[in-house]
């Protein structure tokens, strides 16, 4: 199985089975976070990884408050509720 480890503003992907290596970057893959099975998009070129607030709450990940502004292409702003750091998911 594969695991993700959040660390600051990025998530590292530890591939143990080789399954994720065969998936295209834009192809969703299934994984478990705690007891919850979810679909995720792996983007190895991204500088940040975003999780919905509901997913963080439902999986009991520890979230720290953070005053971060996030702006994407086209000047679209995204509200950041906090940062998950050092959590295996």
N, C-alpha and C. Protein backbone atom coordinates (compact mmCIF):
# COMPACT_ATOMS: atom_id res chain seq x y z
N UNK A 1 0.84 -1.19 0.00
CA UNK A 1 0.00 0.00 0.00
C UNK A 1 0.88 1.24 0.00
N UNK A 2 0.28 2.36 -0.30
CA UNK A 2 1.03 3.62 -0.37
C UNK A 2 0.56 4.53 0.75
N UNK A 3 1.43 5.41 1.21
CA UNK A 3 1.07 6.35 2.25
C UNK A 3 1.49 7.75 1.90
N UNK A 4 0.78 8.72 2.45
CA UNK A 4 1.13 10.12 2.25
C UNK A 4 1.55 10.70 3.59
N UNK A 5 2.52 11.57 3.59
CA UNK A 5 2.92 12.26 4.81
C UNK A 5 2.90 13.75 4.54
N UNK A 6 2.04 14.45 5.27
CA UNK A 6 1.97 15.90 5.14
C UNK A 6 3.11 16.52 5.92
N UNK A 7 3.75 17.52 5.36
CA UNK A 7 4.85 18.20 6.03
C UNK A 7 4.86 19.65 5.59
N UNK A 8 4.26 20.51 6.38
CA UNK A 8 4.19 21.93 6.01
C UNK A 8 3.24 22.14 4.87
N UNK A 9 3.75 22.64 3.75
CA UNK A 9 2.86 22.95 2.64
C UNK A 9 2.93 21.92 1.52
N UNK A 10 3.44 20.72 1.81
CA UNK A 10 3.47 19.70 0.77
C UNK A 10 3.18 18.33 1.37
N UNK A 11 2.84 17.41 0.51
CA UNK A 11 2.60 16.03 0.92
C UNK A 11 3.51 15.14 0.10
N UNK A 12 4.30 14.31 0.75
CA UNK A 12 5.17 13.39 0.01
C UNK A 12 4.44 12.07 -0.18
N UNK A 13 4.65 11.43 -1.30
CA UNK A 13 3.97 10.18 -1.63
C UNK A 13 4.98 9.06 -1.57
N UNK A 14 4.78 8.10 -0.68
CA UNK A 14 5.67 6.97 -0.51
C UNK A 14 5.05 5.76 -1.22
N UNK A 15 5.60 5.39 -2.36
CA UNK A 15 5.03 4.29 -3.14
C UNK A 15 5.71 2.99 -2.72
N UNK A 16 4.94 2.07 -2.18
CA UNK A 16 5.49 0.78 -1.77
C UNK A 16 5.06 -0.33 -2.72
N UNK A 17 3.90 -0.18 -3.33
CA UNK A 17 3.38 -1.24 -4.19
C UNK A 17 3.65 -1.00 -5.67
N UNK A 18 3.97 0.21 -6.06
CA UNK A 18 4.19 0.53 -7.46
C UNK A 18 2.92 0.87 -8.21
N UNK A 19 1.75 0.75 -7.58
CA UNK A 19 0.48 1.02 -8.26
C UNK A 19 0.37 2.47 -8.71
N UNK A 20 0.74 3.39 -7.87
CA UNK A 20 0.57 4.81 -8.21
C UNK A 20 1.52 5.25 -9.31
N UNK A 21 2.64 4.57 -9.46
CA UNK A 21 3.58 4.94 -10.52
C UNK A 21 2.96 4.75 -11.90
N UNK A 22 2.04 3.81 -12.03
CA UNK A 22 1.43 3.53 -13.32
C UNK A 22 0.29 4.48 -13.63
N UNK A 23 -0.26 5.16 -12.64
CA UNK A 23 -1.38 6.07 -12.85
C UNK A 23 -0.88 7.40 -13.40
N UNK A 24 -1.62 7.96 -14.34
CA UNK A 24 -1.28 9.28 -14.86
C UNK A 24 -1.51 10.31 -13.77
N UNK A 25 -0.77 11.42 -13.83
CA UNK A 25 -0.89 12.44 -12.78
C UNK A 25 -2.31 12.98 -12.66
N UNK A 26 -3.06 13.00 -13.76
CA UNK A 26 -4.40 13.56 -13.71
C UNK A 26 -5.46 12.50 -13.43
N UNK A 27 -5.05 11.28 -13.17
CA UNK A 27 -5.99 10.20 -12.91
C UNK A 27 -6.20 10.08 -11.40
N UNK A 28 -7.46 10.13 -10.95
CA UNK A 28 -7.69 9.94 -9.51
C UNK A 28 -7.38 8.51 -9.09
N UNK A 29 -6.87 8.36 -7.87
CA UNK A 29 -6.60 7.04 -7.30
C UNK A 29 -7.30 6.96 -5.95
N UNK A 30 -7.63 5.73 -5.53
CA UNK A 30 -8.26 5.55 -4.22
C UNK A 30 -7.20 5.28 -3.18
N UNK A 31 -7.41 5.82 -1.99
CA UNK A 31 -6.52 5.56 -0.86
C UNK A 31 -7.34 5.65 0.42
N UNK A 32 -6.78 5.18 1.51
CA UNK A 32 -7.44 5.26 2.81
C UNK A 32 -6.73 6.29 3.67
N UNK A 33 -7.53 7.10 4.34
CA UNK A 33 -7.03 8.01 5.37
C UNK A 33 -7.73 7.57 6.64
N UNK A 34 -7.00 6.94 7.53
CA UNK A 34 -7.63 6.31 8.68
C UNK A 34 -8.53 5.19 8.18
N UNK A 35 -9.81 5.23 8.57
CA UNK A 35 -10.78 4.23 8.12
C UNK A 35 -11.60 4.69 6.93
N UNK A 36 -11.32 5.88 6.43
CA UNK A 36 -12.11 6.47 5.34
C UNK A 36 -11.42 6.26 4.00
N UNK A 37 -12.14 5.68 3.04
CA UNK A 37 -11.59 5.51 1.69
C UNK A 37 -12.00 6.71 0.85
N UNK A 38 -11.01 7.34 0.19
CA UNK A 38 -11.26 8.57 -0.57
C UNK A 38 -10.58 8.49 -1.93
N UNK A 39 -11.04 9.31 -2.87
CA UNK A 39 -10.40 9.48 -4.17
C UNK A 39 -9.50 10.70 -4.07
N UNK A 40 -8.28 10.60 -4.58
CA UNK A 40 -7.33 11.72 -4.53
C UNK A 40 -6.69 11.90 -5.90
N UNK A 41 -6.22 13.11 -6.15
CA UNK A 41 -5.44 13.41 -7.35
C UNK A 41 -4.00 13.63 -6.89
N UNK A 42 -3.06 12.91 -7.45
CA UNK A 42 -1.65 13.05 -7.12
C UNK A 42 -1.02 13.98 -8.14
N UNK A 43 -0.46 15.08 -7.67
CA UNK A 43 0.21 16.03 -8.56
C UNK A 43 1.62 16.24 -8.03
N UNK A 44 2.56 15.51 -8.56
CA UNK A 44 3.93 15.57 -8.04
C UNK A 44 4.60 16.91 -8.33
N UNK A 45 4.05 17.70 -9.23
CA UNK A 45 4.64 19.00 -9.56
C UNK A 45 4.04 20.15 -8.78
N UNK A 46 3.06 19.88 -7.95
CA UNK A 46 2.39 20.95 -7.21
C UNK A 46 3.24 21.42 -6.04
N UNK A 47 3.18 22.72 -5.75
CA UNK A 47 3.91 23.26 -4.60
C UNK A 47 3.09 23.13 -3.32
N UNK A 48 1.78 22.98 -3.44
CA UNK A 48 0.91 22.77 -2.28
C UNK A 48 -0.09 21.69 -2.63
N UNK A 49 -0.63 21.05 -1.61
CA UNK A 49 -1.69 20.07 -1.78
C UNK A 49 -2.85 20.50 -0.92
N UNK A 50 -4.03 20.48 -1.48
CA UNK A 50 -5.21 20.98 -0.80
C UNK A 50 -6.13 19.84 -0.40
N UNK A 51 -6.65 19.92 0.82
CA UNK A 51 -7.63 18.95 1.31
C UNK A 51 -8.88 19.71 1.70
N UNK A 52 -10.05 19.20 1.37
CA UNK A 52 -11.28 19.84 1.83
C UNK A 52 -11.35 19.82 3.36
N UNK A 53 -11.88 20.87 3.95
CA UNK A 53 -12.00 20.97 5.41
C UNK A 53 -12.78 19.78 5.97
N UNK A 54 -13.85 19.37 5.28
CA UNK A 54 -14.64 18.22 5.75
C UNK A 54 -13.80 16.95 5.83
N UNK A 55 -12.91 16.74 4.87
CA UNK A 55 -12.05 15.56 4.87
C UNK A 55 -11.08 15.59 6.05
N UNK A 56 -10.51 16.74 6.32
CA UNK A 56 -9.60 16.88 7.47
C UNK A 56 -10.35 16.58 8.76
N UNK A 57 -11.56 17.12 8.90
CA UNK A 57 -12.36 16.89 10.10
C UNK A 57 -12.79 15.42 10.22
N UNK A 58 -13.29 14.83 9.12
CA UNK A 58 -13.80 13.46 9.15
C UNK A 58 -12.71 12.43 9.42
N UNK A 59 -11.47 12.74 9.09
CA UNK A 59 -10.37 11.79 9.28
C UNK A 59 -9.54 12.09 10.53
N UNK A 60 -9.97 13.08 11.31
CA UNK A 60 -9.30 13.44 12.57
C UNK A 60 -7.84 13.84 12.38
N UNK A 61 -7.51 14.43 11.22
CA UNK A 61 -6.17 14.97 11.04
C UNK A 61 -6.01 16.21 11.90
N UNK A 62 -4.82 16.45 12.41
CA UNK A 62 -4.57 17.62 13.26
C UNK A 62 -4.27 18.81 12.35
N UNK A 63 -5.11 19.84 12.48
CA UNK A 63 -4.97 21.05 11.66
C UNK A 63 -4.60 22.21 12.56
N UNK A 64 -3.54 22.93 12.15
CA UNK A 64 -3.14 24.15 12.87
C UNK A 64 -3.69 25.35 12.13
N UNK A 65 -4.14 26.35 12.87
CA UNK A 65 -4.59 27.60 12.26
C UNK A 65 -3.42 28.23 11.53
N UNK A 66 -3.70 28.85 10.40
CA UNK A 66 -2.64 29.50 9.63
C UNK A 66 -3.22 30.71 8.91
N UNK A 67 -2.47 31.77 8.88
CA UNK A 67 -2.88 32.98 8.18
C UNK A 67 -2.14 33.00 6.83
N UNK A 68 -2.69 32.26 5.87
CA UNK A 68 -2.05 32.10 4.57
C UNK A 68 -3.01 32.54 3.48
N UNK A 69 -2.52 33.35 2.57
CA UNK A 69 -3.31 33.70 1.40
C UNK A 69 -2.91 32.80 0.25
N UNK A 70 -3.87 32.22 -0.43
CA UNK A 70 -3.59 31.34 -1.55
C UNK A 70 -4.30 31.88 -2.77
N UNK A 71 -3.53 32.15 -3.81
CA UNK A 71 -4.10 32.71 -5.03
C UNK A 71 -3.62 31.87 -6.20
N UNK A 72 -4.55 31.46 -7.05
CA UNK A 72 -4.21 30.62 -8.19
C UNK A 72 -4.13 31.41 -9.48
N UNK A 73 -4.04 30.68 -10.55
CA UNK A 73 -4.01 31.29 -11.88
C UNK A 73 -5.31 32.04 -12.10
N UNK A 74 -5.24 33.21 -12.68
CA UNK A 74 -6.44 34.01 -12.89
C UNK A 74 -6.83 34.80 -11.66
N UNK A 75 -5.93 34.90 -10.70
CA UNK A 75 -6.11 35.68 -9.47
C UNK A 75 -7.29 35.17 -8.63
N UNK A 76 -7.66 33.89 -8.80
CA UNK A 76 -8.71 33.30 -7.97
C UNK A 76 -8.14 33.06 -6.57
N UNK A 77 -8.85 33.54 -5.56
CA UNK A 77 -8.39 33.37 -4.18
C UNK A 77 -9.10 32.19 -3.52
N UNK A 78 -8.38 31.48 -2.67
CA UNK A 78 -8.91 30.33 -1.96
C UNK A 78 -8.71 30.57 -0.46
N UNK A 79 -9.75 30.34 0.33
CA UNK A 79 -9.65 30.51 1.77
C UNK A 79 -8.92 29.29 2.36
N UNK A 80 -7.89 29.55 3.13
CA UNK A 80 -7.13 28.49 3.78
C UNK A 80 -7.54 28.45 5.24
N UNK A 81 -8.09 27.30 5.68
CA UNK A 81 -8.53 27.15 7.06
C UNK A 81 -7.40 26.79 8.01
N UNK A 82 -6.33 26.21 7.48
CA UNK A 82 -5.22 25.81 8.34
C UNK A 82 -4.26 24.92 7.59
N UNK A 83 -3.28 24.39 8.33
CA UNK A 83 -2.22 23.57 7.75
C UNK A 83 -2.18 22.24 8.50
N UNK A 84 -2.10 21.15 7.74
CA UNK A 84 -1.88 19.82 8.32
C UNK A 84 -0.40 19.53 8.16
N UNK A 85 0.28 19.23 9.26
CA UNK A 85 1.73 19.04 9.20
C UNK A 85 2.12 17.79 9.98
N UNK A 86 2.97 16.97 9.37
CA UNK A 86 3.50 15.80 10.06
C UNK A 86 2.49 14.72 10.35
N UNK A 87 1.45 14.59 9.53
CA UNK A 87 0.42 13.57 9.73
C UNK A 87 0.54 12.51 8.65
N UNK A 88 0.59 11.24 9.03
CA UNK A 88 0.53 10.15 8.05
C UNK A 88 -0.93 9.95 7.69
N UNK A 89 -1.22 9.92 6.41
CA UNK A 89 -2.61 9.71 5.96
C UNK A 89 -2.68 8.56 5.00
